[in-house]
Amino acid sequence: MLKRLLITAMIAVFVWAFAPDPAAAAEAGQFTELEGEVTVLKTNGQAIAARIGTSVQPREIVKTGRRSKATILLNDGSVLRLGPMSDLEIKSVAHDPQKKTAQSSHRVNRGTVMFMVGANFRNQGSSFEVSTPTAVAGVRGTIGIVRVGPNPNTGKVTTL
């Protein structure tokens, strides 16, 4: 009896420890345009080549190679366009169609990312945030470009 209880407890711990995170499993959006080499670093550490229709999820990182570009349509209605040699983390994406609100957060580690933010982000309770190693921008219903690269004077990474 004790042996069966111990085995059941071990199985329960194993299942709990390795169960997928429901927040991470929710699709944030998908690729609608690709050019060149685009890679998605999944939360499990696996790197996959992106294709049109490939989904991205929160906490995944998208990387573009030389002469590469990507467009991601997010479920909240916003669009992210990555230029060559860019590195973007999709931190979180949430959309409530009933309340017409959305929350979206992303981190640009290098390269150039243009974002187009839809009308949902003009509503009370909505937020769209883009962070870099040196800055944070919060926007509402607009288009913006963030570029992260070396400062020509110091060589340190900066937001341009």
N, C-alpha and C. Protein backbone atom coordinates (compact mmCIF):
# COMPACT_ATOMS: atom_id res chain seq x y z
N MET A 1 0.83 -1.20 0.00
CA MET A 1 0.00 0.00 0.00
C MET A 1 0.87 1.26 0.00
N LEU A 2 1.88 1.30 0.86
CA LEU A 2 2.77 2.45 0.94
C LEU A 2 3.55 2.61 -0.36
N LYS A 3 3.96 1.49 -0.95
CA LYS A 3 4.69 1.53 -2.21
C LYS A 3 3.81 2.13 -3.32
N ARG A 4 2.54 1.73 -3.39
CA ARG A 4 1.62 2.25 -4.39
C ARG A 4 1.41 3.75 -4.19
N LEU A 5 1.27 4.20 -2.95
CA LEU A 5 1.08 5.61 -2.63
C LEU A 5 2.31 6.42 -3.04
N LEU A 6 3.50 5.88 -2.79
CA LEU A 6 4.74 6.55 -3.14
C LEU A 6 4.87 6.67 -4.66
N ILE A 7 4.54 5.62 -5.38
CA ILE A 7 4.61 5.65 -6.84
C ILE A 7 3.61 6.66 -7.40
N THR A 8 2.40 6.68 -6.87
CA THR A 8 1.38 7.64 -7.30
C THR A 8 1.84 9.07 -7.05
N ALA A 9 2.43 9.31 -5.90
CA ALA A 9 2.94 10.65 -5.58
C ALA A 9 4.06 11.06 -6.53
N MET A 10 4.95 10.13 -6.86
CA MET A 10 6.06 10.43 -7.77
C MET A 10 5.53 10.74 -9.17
N ILE A 11 4.53 9.98 -9.61
CA ILE A 11 3.93 10.24 -10.93
C ILE A 11 3.28 11.62 -10.94
N ALA A 12 2.55 11.96 -9.88
CA ALA A 12 1.89 13.26 -9.80
C ALA A 12 2.91 14.40 -9.85
N VAL A 13 4.01 14.27 -9.13
CA VAL A 13 5.06 15.30 -9.14
C VAL A 13 5.67 15.41 -10.53
N PHE A 14 5.94 14.28 -11.17
CA PHE A 14 6.52 14.27 -12.51
C PHE A 14 5.58 14.96 -13.51
N VAL A 15 4.30 14.62 -13.48
CA VAL A 15 3.33 15.23 -14.38
C VAL A 15 3.24 16.73 -14.13
N TRP A 16 3.19 17.14 -12.89
CA TRP A 16 3.11 18.57 -12.56
C TRP A 16 4.35 19.30 -13.03
N ALA A 17 5.53 18.72 -12.81
CA ALA A 17 6.79 19.39 -13.16
C ALA A 17 6.96 19.55 -14.67
N PHE A 18 6.47 18.60 -15.45
CA PHE A 18 6.70 18.64 -16.89
C PHE A 18 5.46 18.97 -17.70
N ALA A 19 4.39 19.33 -17.06
CA ALA A 19 3.18 19.73 -17.78
C ALA A 19 3.43 21.05 -18.47
N PRO A 20 2.88 21.24 -19.67
CA PRO A 20 3.07 22.51 -20.36
C PRO A 20 2.40 23.65 -19.60
N ASP A 21 3.02 24.82 -19.65
CA ASP A 21 2.49 26.02 -19.02
C ASP A 21 1.34 26.53 -19.90
N PRO A 22 0.09 26.59 -19.39
CA PRO A 22 -1.04 27.02 -20.21
C PRO A 22 -0.85 28.42 -20.79
N ALA A 23 -0.23 29.32 -20.04
CA ALA A 23 -0.01 30.67 -20.54
C ALA A 23 0.95 30.66 -21.72
N ALA A 24 1.95 29.79 -21.67
CA ALA A 24 2.92 29.73 -22.76
C ALA A 24 2.34 29.01 -23.98
N ALA A 25 1.36 28.15 -23.76
CA ALA A 25 0.82 27.37 -24.86
C ALA A 25 -0.13 28.17 -25.74
N ALA A 26 -0.64 29.29 -25.28
CA ALA A 26 -1.56 30.09 -26.05
C ALA A 26 -0.82 30.77 -27.19
N GLU A 27 -1.34 30.61 -28.40
CA GLU A 27 -0.71 31.23 -29.56
C GLU A 27 -0.82 32.74 -29.46
N ALA A 28 0.30 33.44 -29.71
CA ALA A 28 0.32 34.90 -29.69
C ALA A 28 0.02 35.46 -31.07
N GLY A 29 0.39 34.72 -32.11
CA GLY A 29 0.18 35.18 -33.47
C GLY A 29 0.87 34.24 -34.44
N GLN A 30 1.00 34.70 -35.69
CA GLN A 30 1.67 33.87 -36.68
C GLN A 30 2.33 34.71 -37.76
N PHE A 31 3.28 34.08 -38.45
CA PHE A 31 4.01 34.74 -39.52
C PHE A 31 3.12 34.88 -40.75
N THR A 32 3.10 36.10 -41.32
CA THR A 32 2.34 36.33 -42.53
C THR A 32 3.24 36.64 -43.72
N GLU A 33 4.47 37.08 -43.46
CA GLU A 33 5.44 37.35 -44.52
C GLU A 33 6.82 36.94 -44.02
N LEU A 34 7.60 36.36 -44.91
CA LEU A 34 8.97 35.96 -44.57
C LEU A 34 9.87 36.19 -45.77
N GLU A 35 11.10 36.55 -45.47
CA GLU A 35 12.12 36.67 -46.50
C GLU A 35 13.44 36.24 -45.88
N GLY A 36 14.14 35.32 -46.50
CA GLY A 36 15.43 34.88 -45.98
C GLY A 36 15.28 33.91 -44.82
N GLU A 37 16.28 33.94 -43.93
CA GLU A 37 16.36 33.00 -42.81
C GLU A 37 15.75 33.60 -41.55
N VAL A 38 14.68 32.98 -41.07
CA VAL A 38 13.99 33.43 -39.85
C VAL A 38 13.85 32.21 -38.94
N THR A 39 14.28 32.36 -37.69
CA THR A 39 14.27 31.26 -36.73
C THR A 39 13.43 31.63 -35.52
N VAL A 40 12.71 30.65 -34.99
CA VAL A 40 11.96 30.83 -33.75
C VAL A 40 12.60 29.94 -32.69
N LEU A 41 13.03 30.54 -31.59
CA LEU A 41 13.55 29.78 -30.46
C LEU A 41 12.38 29.50 -29.53
N LYS A 42 11.96 28.24 -29.49
CA LYS A 42 10.82 27.83 -28.69
C LYS A 42 11.20 27.84 -27.20
N THR A 43 10.19 27.82 -26.34
CA THR A 43 10.44 27.86 -24.90
C THR A 43 11.13 26.60 -24.39
N ASN A 44 11.07 25.51 -25.17
CA ASN A 44 11.75 24.27 -24.77
C ASN A 44 13.20 24.22 -25.24
N GLY A 45 13.67 25.32 -25.85
CA GLY A 45 15.05 25.40 -26.31
C GLY A 45 15.25 25.00 -27.76
N GLN A 46 14.22 24.45 -28.39
CA GLN A 46 14.31 24.01 -29.78
C GLN A 46 14.26 25.23 -30.70
N ALA A 47 15.09 25.23 -31.75
CA ALA A 47 15.07 26.28 -32.76
C ALA A 47 14.43 25.71 -34.02
N ILE A 48 13.41 26.42 -34.55
CA ILE A 48 12.76 25.95 -35.77
C ILE A 48 12.82 27.05 -36.83
N ALA A 49 12.84 26.65 -38.08
CA ALA A 49 12.77 27.60 -39.19
C ALA A 49 11.32 28.05 -39.33
N ALA A 50 11.12 29.36 -39.38
CA ALA A 50 9.77 29.89 -39.53
C ALA A 50 9.30 29.73 -40.97
N ARG A 51 8.01 29.54 -41.12
CA ARG A 51 7.35 29.46 -42.43
C ARG A 51 6.09 30.31 -42.33
N ILE A 52 5.52 30.67 -43.46
CA ILE A 52 4.24 31.38 -43.44
C ILE A 52 3.25 30.51 -42.67
N GLY A 53 2.56 31.10 -41.69
CA GLY A 53 1.60 30.36 -40.89
C GLY A 53 2.17 29.77 -39.62
N THR A 54 3.51 29.75 -39.47
CA THR A 54 4.11 29.25 -38.23
C THR A 54 3.63 30.13 -37.08
N SER A 55 3.21 29.51 -35.98
CA SER A 55 2.73 30.29 -34.84
C SER A 55 3.88 30.66 -33.91
N VAL A 56 3.69 31.77 -33.21
CA VAL A 56 4.62 32.18 -32.16
C VAL A 56 3.82 32.26 -30.87
N GLN A 57 4.49 31.96 -29.78
CA GLN A 57 3.85 31.94 -28.47
C GLN A 57 4.60 32.86 -27.52
N PRO A 58 3.96 33.26 -26.43
CA PRO A 58 4.66 34.07 -25.43
C PRO A 58 5.95 33.39 -24.98
N ARG A 59 6.95 34.19 -24.74
CA ARG A 59 8.28 33.79 -24.25
C ARG A 59 9.15 33.16 -25.34
N GLU A 60 8.70 33.21 -26.59
CA GLU A 60 9.54 32.73 -27.68
C GLU A 60 10.31 33.89 -28.29
N ILE A 61 11.44 33.56 -28.90
CA ILE A 61 12.31 34.57 -29.49
C ILE A 61 12.38 34.34 -31.00
N VAL A 62 12.21 35.42 -31.75
CA VAL A 62 12.28 35.38 -33.20
C VAL A 62 13.57 36.07 -33.62
N LYS A 63 14.35 35.39 -34.48
CA LYS A 63 15.62 35.95 -34.97
C LYS A 63 15.62 35.94 -36.49
N THR A 64 16.04 37.06 -37.06
CA THR A 64 16.18 37.14 -38.51
C THR A 64 17.67 37.17 -38.85
N GLY A 65 18.01 36.57 -39.99
CA GLY A 65 19.39 36.55 -40.46
C GLY A 65 19.68 37.74 -41.36
N ARG A 66 20.87 37.71 -41.96
CA ARG A 66 21.25 38.74 -42.93
C ARG A 66 20.27 38.70 -44.09
N ARG A 67 19.94 39.84 -44.61
CA ARG A 67 19.02 39.96 -45.74
C ARG A 67 17.70 39.23 -45.48
N SER A 68 17.26 39.23 -44.25
CA SER A 68 16.03 38.53 -43.86
C SER A 68 15.05 39.51 -43.23
N LYS A 69 13.77 39.23 -43.40
CA LYS A 69 12.70 40.04 -42.83
C LYS A 69 11.56 39.13 -42.44
N ALA A 70 10.73 39.58 -41.51
CA ALA A 70 9.56 38.80 -41.09
C ALA A 70 8.45 39.74 -40.66
N THR A 71 7.22 39.32 -40.91
CA THR A 71 6.04 40.03 -40.42
C THR A 71 5.21 39.05 -39.60
N ILE A 72 4.83 39.48 -38.40
CA ILE A 72 4.02 38.66 -37.51
C ILE A 72 2.72 39.42 -37.23
N LEU A 73 1.60 38.75 -37.51
CA LEU A 73 0.28 39.29 -37.15
C LEU A 73 -0.09 38.69 -35.81
N LEU A 74 -0.21 39.55 -34.79
CA LEU A 74 -0.54 39.07 -33.45
C LEU A 74 -2.06 38.97 -33.27
N ASN A 75 -2.48 38.10 -32.37
CA ASN A 75 -3.90 37.89 -32.11
C ASN A 75 -4.61 39.12 -31.56
N ASP A 76 -3.86 40.07 -31.05
CA ASP A 76 -4.46 41.29 -30.52
C ASP A 76 -4.69 42.34 -31.60
N GLY A 77 -4.36 42.00 -32.87
CA GLY A 77 -4.57 42.92 -33.98
C GLY A 77 -3.36 43.75 -34.34
N SER A 78 -2.31 43.69 -33.56
CA SER A 78 -1.10 44.45 -33.87
C SER A 78 -0.20 43.66 -34.82
N VAL A 79 0.73 44.36 -35.45
CA VAL A 79 1.64 43.76 -36.41
C VAL A 79 3.06 44.13 -36.03
N LEU A 80 3.96 43.14 -36.10
CA LEU A 80 5.38 43.36 -35.86
C LEU A 80 6.13 43.04 -37.13
N ARG A 81 7.00 43.95 -37.58
CA ARG A 81 7.85 43.71 -38.76
C ARG A 81 9.29 43.79 -38.33
N LEU A 82 10.00 42.70 -38.51
CA LEU A 82 11.41 42.61 -38.12
C LEU A 82 12.29 42.80 -39.34
N GLY A 83 13.33 43.62 -39.18
CA GLY A 83 14.30 43.81 -40.24
C GLY A 83 15.42 42.79 -40.13
N PRO A 84 16.44 42.89 -40.99
CA PRO A 84 17.57 41.97 -40.95
C PRO A 84 18.31 42.01 -39.62
N MET A 85 18.87 40.87 -39.24
CA MET A 85 19.70 40.75 -38.03
C MET A 85 18.99 41.26 -36.78
N SER A 86 17.71 40.91 -36.65
CA SER A 86 16.92 41.35 -35.49
C SER A 86 16.65 40.18 -34.55
N ASP A 87 16.40 40.53 -33.30
CA ASP A 87 16.17 39.56 -32.23
C ASP A 87 15.04 40.12 -31.38
N LEU A 88 13.87 39.46 -31.41
CA LEU A 88 12.68 39.94 -30.72
C LEU A 88 12.09 38.85 -29.85
N GLU A 89 11.82 39.18 -28.59
CA GLU A 89 11.12 38.25 -27.70
C GLU A 89 9.66 38.67 -27.60
N ILE A 90 8.76 37.72 -27.88
CA ILE A 90 7.33 37.94 -27.68
C ILE A 90 7.09 37.65 -26.19
N LYS A 91 7.00 38.68 -25.38
CA LYS A 91 6.87 38.45 -23.93
C LYS A 91 5.46 38.02 -23.56
N SER A 92 4.44 38.76 -24.00
CA SER A 92 3.06 38.39 -23.69
C SER A 92 2.11 39.05 -24.69
N VAL A 93 1.02 38.37 -24.96
CA VAL A 93 -0.04 38.89 -25.83
C VAL A 93 -1.36 38.38 -25.27
N ALA A 94 -2.26 39.31 -24.96
CA ALA A 94 -3.59 38.94 -24.47
C ALA A 94 -4.62 39.86 -25.10
N HIS A 95 -5.77 39.29 -25.47
CA HIS A 95 -6.80 40.07 -26.14
C HIS A 95 -8.16 39.63 -25.62
N ASP A 96 -8.97 40.61 -25.21
CA ASP A 96 -10.33 40.32 -24.75
C ASP A 96 -11.31 41.00 -25.71
N PRO A 97 -11.84 40.24 -26.67
CA PRO A 97 -12.73 40.85 -27.66
C PRO A 97 -14.01 41.43 -27.06
N GLN A 98 -14.48 40.85 -25.94
CA GLN A 98 -15.71 41.36 -25.30
C GLN A 98 -15.51 42.78 -24.78
N LYS A 99 -14.38 43.00 -24.10
CA LYS A 99 -14.09 44.32 -23.54
C LYS A 99 -13.38 45.23 -24.52
N LYS A 100 -12.96 44.67 -25.68
CA LYS A 100 -12.19 45.39 -26.68
C LYS A 100 -10.91 45.96 -26.08
N THR A 101 -10.23 45.10 -25.30
CA THR A 101 -8.95 45.49 -24.70
C THR A 101 -7.87 44.51 -25.12
N ALA A 102 -6.64 44.95 -25.01
CA ALA A 102 -5.51 44.10 -25.35
C ALA A 102 -4.30 44.52 -24.53
N GLN A 103 -3.46 43.53 -24.19
CA GLN A 103 -2.19 43.79 -23.52
C GLN A 103 -1.13 43.04 -24.32
N SER A 104 -0.06 43.74 -24.66
CA SER A 104 0.99 43.15 -25.47
C SER A 104 2.33 43.71 -25.00
N SER A 105 3.32 42.81 -24.84
CA SER A 105 4.64 43.23 -24.37
C SER A 105 5.71 42.47 -25.15
N HIS A 106 6.72 43.21 -25.61
CA HIS A 106 7.78 42.63 -26.44
C HIS A 106 9.12 43.26 -26.09
N ARG A 107 10.20 42.50 -26.36
CA ARG A 107 11.54 43.01 -26.09
C ARG A 107 12.39 42.88 -27.35
N VAL A 108 12.95 43.99 -27.79
CA VAL A 108 13.86 44.02 -28.93
C VAL A 108 15.28 44.02 -28.37
N ASN A 109 16.01 42.94 -28.62
CA ASN A 109 17.38 42.82 -28.11
C ASN A 109 18.42 43.36 -29.08
N ARG A 110 18.10 43.30 -30.40
CA ARG A 110 18.97 43.90 -31.41
C ARG A 110 18.18 44.02 -32.70
N GLY A 111 18.66 44.87 -33.58
CA GLY A 111 18.04 45.03 -34.89
C GLY A 111 16.94 46.07 -34.91
N THR A 112 16.08 45.95 -35.92
CA THR A 112 15.02 46.93 -36.14
C THR A 112 13.67 46.23 -36.16
N VAL A 113 12.73 46.77 -35.40
CA VAL A 113 11.37 46.25 -35.36
C VAL A 113 10.40 47.41 -35.52
N MET A 114 9.51 47.29 -36.49
CA MET A 114 8.44 48.26 -36.67
C MET A 114 7.17 47.63 -36.11
N PHE A 115 6.38 48.42 -35.41
CA PHE A 115 5.13 47.89 -34.87
C PHE A 115 3.98 48.79 -35.29
N MET A 116 2.85 48.16 -35.58
CA MET A 116 1.62 48.86 -35.92
C MET A 116 0.57 48.40 -34.92
N VAL A 117 0.11 49.33 -34.13
CA VAL A 117 -0.78 49.01 -33.02
C VAL A 117 -2.21 49.43 -33.38
N GLY A 118 -3.14 48.51 -33.24
CA GLY A 118 -4.53 48.74 -33.64
C GLY A 118 -5.36 49.52 -32.63
N ALA A 119 -6.62 49.69 -32.98
CA ALA A 119 -7.56 50.49 -32.19
C ALA A 119 -7.82 49.93 -30.81
N ASN A 120 -7.70 48.60 -30.60
CA ASN A 120 -7.94 48.02 -29.27
C ASN A 120 -7.06 48.66 -28.22
N PHE A 121 -5.90 49.12 -28.60
CA PHE A 121 -4.95 49.66 -27.63
C PHE A 121 -5.27 51.09 -27.22
N ARG A 122 -6.28 51.69 -27.83
CA ARG A 122 -6.71 53.03 -27.42
C ARG A 122 -7.68 52.96 -26.24
N ASN A 123 -8.20 51.78 -25.98
CA ASN A 123 -9.22 51.61 -24.94
C ASN A 123 -8.62 51.52 -23.54
N GLN A 124 -9.40 51.97 -22.57
CA GLN A 124 -9.02 51.88 -21.16
C GLN A 124 -8.70 50.44 -20.82
N GLY A 125 -7.60 50.21 -20.11
CA GLY A 125 -7.22 48.86 -19.71
C GLY A 125 -6.31 48.16 -20.70
N SER A 126 -5.98 48.81 -21.81
CA SER A 126 -5.10 48.22 -22.81
C SER A 126 -3.70 48.79 -22.68
N SER A 127 -2.70 47.97 -23.08
CA SER A 127 -1.32 48.46 -23.07
C SER A 127 -0.49 47.71 -24.10
N PHE A 128 0.38 48.44 -24.78
CA PHE A 128 1.33 47.86 -25.74
C PHE A 128 2.69 48.42 -25.35
N GLU A 129 3.61 47.51 -25.06
CA GLU A 129 4.92 47.93 -24.56
C GLU A 129 6.03 47.26 -25.37
N VAL A 130 7.03 48.04 -25.72
CA VAL A 130 8.23 47.54 -26.37
C VAL A 130 9.41 47.97 -25.51
N SER A 131 10.22 46.99 -25.08
CA SER A 131 11.40 47.33 -24.29
C SER A 131 12.66 46.94 -25.07
N THR A 132 13.76 47.58 -24.71
CA THR A 132 15.07 47.29 -25.28
C THR A 132 16.04 47.23 -24.11
N PRO A 133 17.31 46.93 -24.35
CA PRO A 133 18.27 46.94 -23.24
C PRO A 133 18.41 48.31 -22.56
N THR A 134 18.01 49.38 -23.26
CA THR A 134 18.21 50.72 -22.68
C THR A 134 16.96 51.59 -22.60
N ALA A 135 15.79 51.10 -23.05
CA ALA A 135 14.60 51.95 -23.05
C ALA A 135 13.33 51.10 -23.00
N VAL A 136 12.22 51.77 -22.63
CA VAL A 136 10.90 51.15 -22.64
C VAL A 136 9.93 52.15 -23.26
N ALA A 137 9.11 51.68 -24.21
CA ALA A 137 8.11 52.54 -24.84
C ALA A 137 6.74 51.91 -24.67
N GLY A 138 5.80 52.71 -24.23
CA GLY A 138 4.41 52.30 -24.16
C GLY A 138 3.64 53.13 -25.16
N VAL A 139 2.82 52.50 -25.99
CA VAL A 139 2.12 53.24 -27.04
C VAL A 139 0.64 52.87 -27.07
N ARG A 140 -0.14 53.70 -27.75
CA ARG A 140 -1.58 53.47 -27.94
C ARG A 140 -1.95 53.82 -29.37
N GLY A 141 -2.38 52.85 -30.14
CA GLY A 141 -2.90 53.07 -31.49
C GLY A 141 -1.98 53.88 -32.39
N THR A 142 -0.82 53.37 -32.72
CA THR A 142 0.13 54.13 -33.51
C THR A 142 1.06 53.20 -34.28
N ILE A 143 1.97 53.78 -35.01
CA ILE A 143 3.03 53.05 -35.70
C ILE A 143 4.35 53.56 -35.13
N GLY A 144 5.28 52.66 -34.89
CA GLY A 144 6.58 53.06 -34.36
C GLY A 144 7.68 52.14 -34.86
N ILE A 145 8.91 52.62 -34.73
CA ILE A 145 10.08 51.83 -35.10
C ILE A 145 11.07 51.89 -33.96
N VAL A 146 11.60 50.74 -33.58
CA VAL A 146 12.63 50.65 -32.55
C VAL A 146 13.85 50.01 -33.20
N ARG A 147 15.00 50.63 -33.00
CA ARG A 147 16.24 50.08 -33.53
C ARG A 147 17.24 49.97 -32.39
N VAL A 148 17.81 48.78 -32.23
CA VAL A 148 18.80 48.52 -31.19
C VAL A 148 20.11 48.13 -31.86
N GLY A 149 21.16 48.83 -31.51
CA GLY A 149 22.46 48.53 -32.11
C GLY A 149 23.56 49.25 -31.37
N PRO A 150 24.81 49.10 -31.85
CA PRO A 150 25.93 49.74 -31.17
C PRO A 150 25.95 51.24 -31.41
N ASN A 151 26.25 51.99 -30.35
CA ASN A 151 26.45 53.42 -30.46
C ASN A 151 27.77 53.64 -31.19
N PRO A 152 27.78 54.43 -32.28
CA PRO A 152 29.01 54.62 -33.04
C PRO A 152 30.14 55.27 -32.23
N ASN A 153 29.78 56.02 -31.20
CA ASN A 153 30.81 56.70 -30.38
C ASN A 153 31.38 55.82 -29.27
N THR A 154 30.52 54.98 -28.69
CA THR A 154 30.98 54.19 -27.53
C THR A 154 31.08 52.70 -27.82
N GLY A 155 30.37 52.23 -28.85
CA GLY A 155 30.37 50.81 -29.16
C GLY A 155 29.40 50.01 -28.29
N LYS A 156 28.81 50.66 -27.29
CA LYS A 156 27.85 49.98 -26.40
C LYS A 156 26.48 49.89 -27.07
N VAL A 157 25.73 48.84 -26.72
CA VAL A 157 24.39 48.67 -27.28
C VAL A 157 23.50 49.79 -26.78
N THR A 158 22.73 50.35 -27.70
CA THR A 158 21.83 51.45 -27.35
C THR A 158 20.58 51.38 -28.20
N THR A 159 19.54 52.10 -27.80
CA THR A 159 18.32 52.22 -28.58
C THR A 159 18.46 53.47 -29.42
N LEU A 160 18.30 53.31 -30.74
CA LEU A 160 18.48 54.44 -31.66
C LEU A 160 17.16 54.97 -32.12
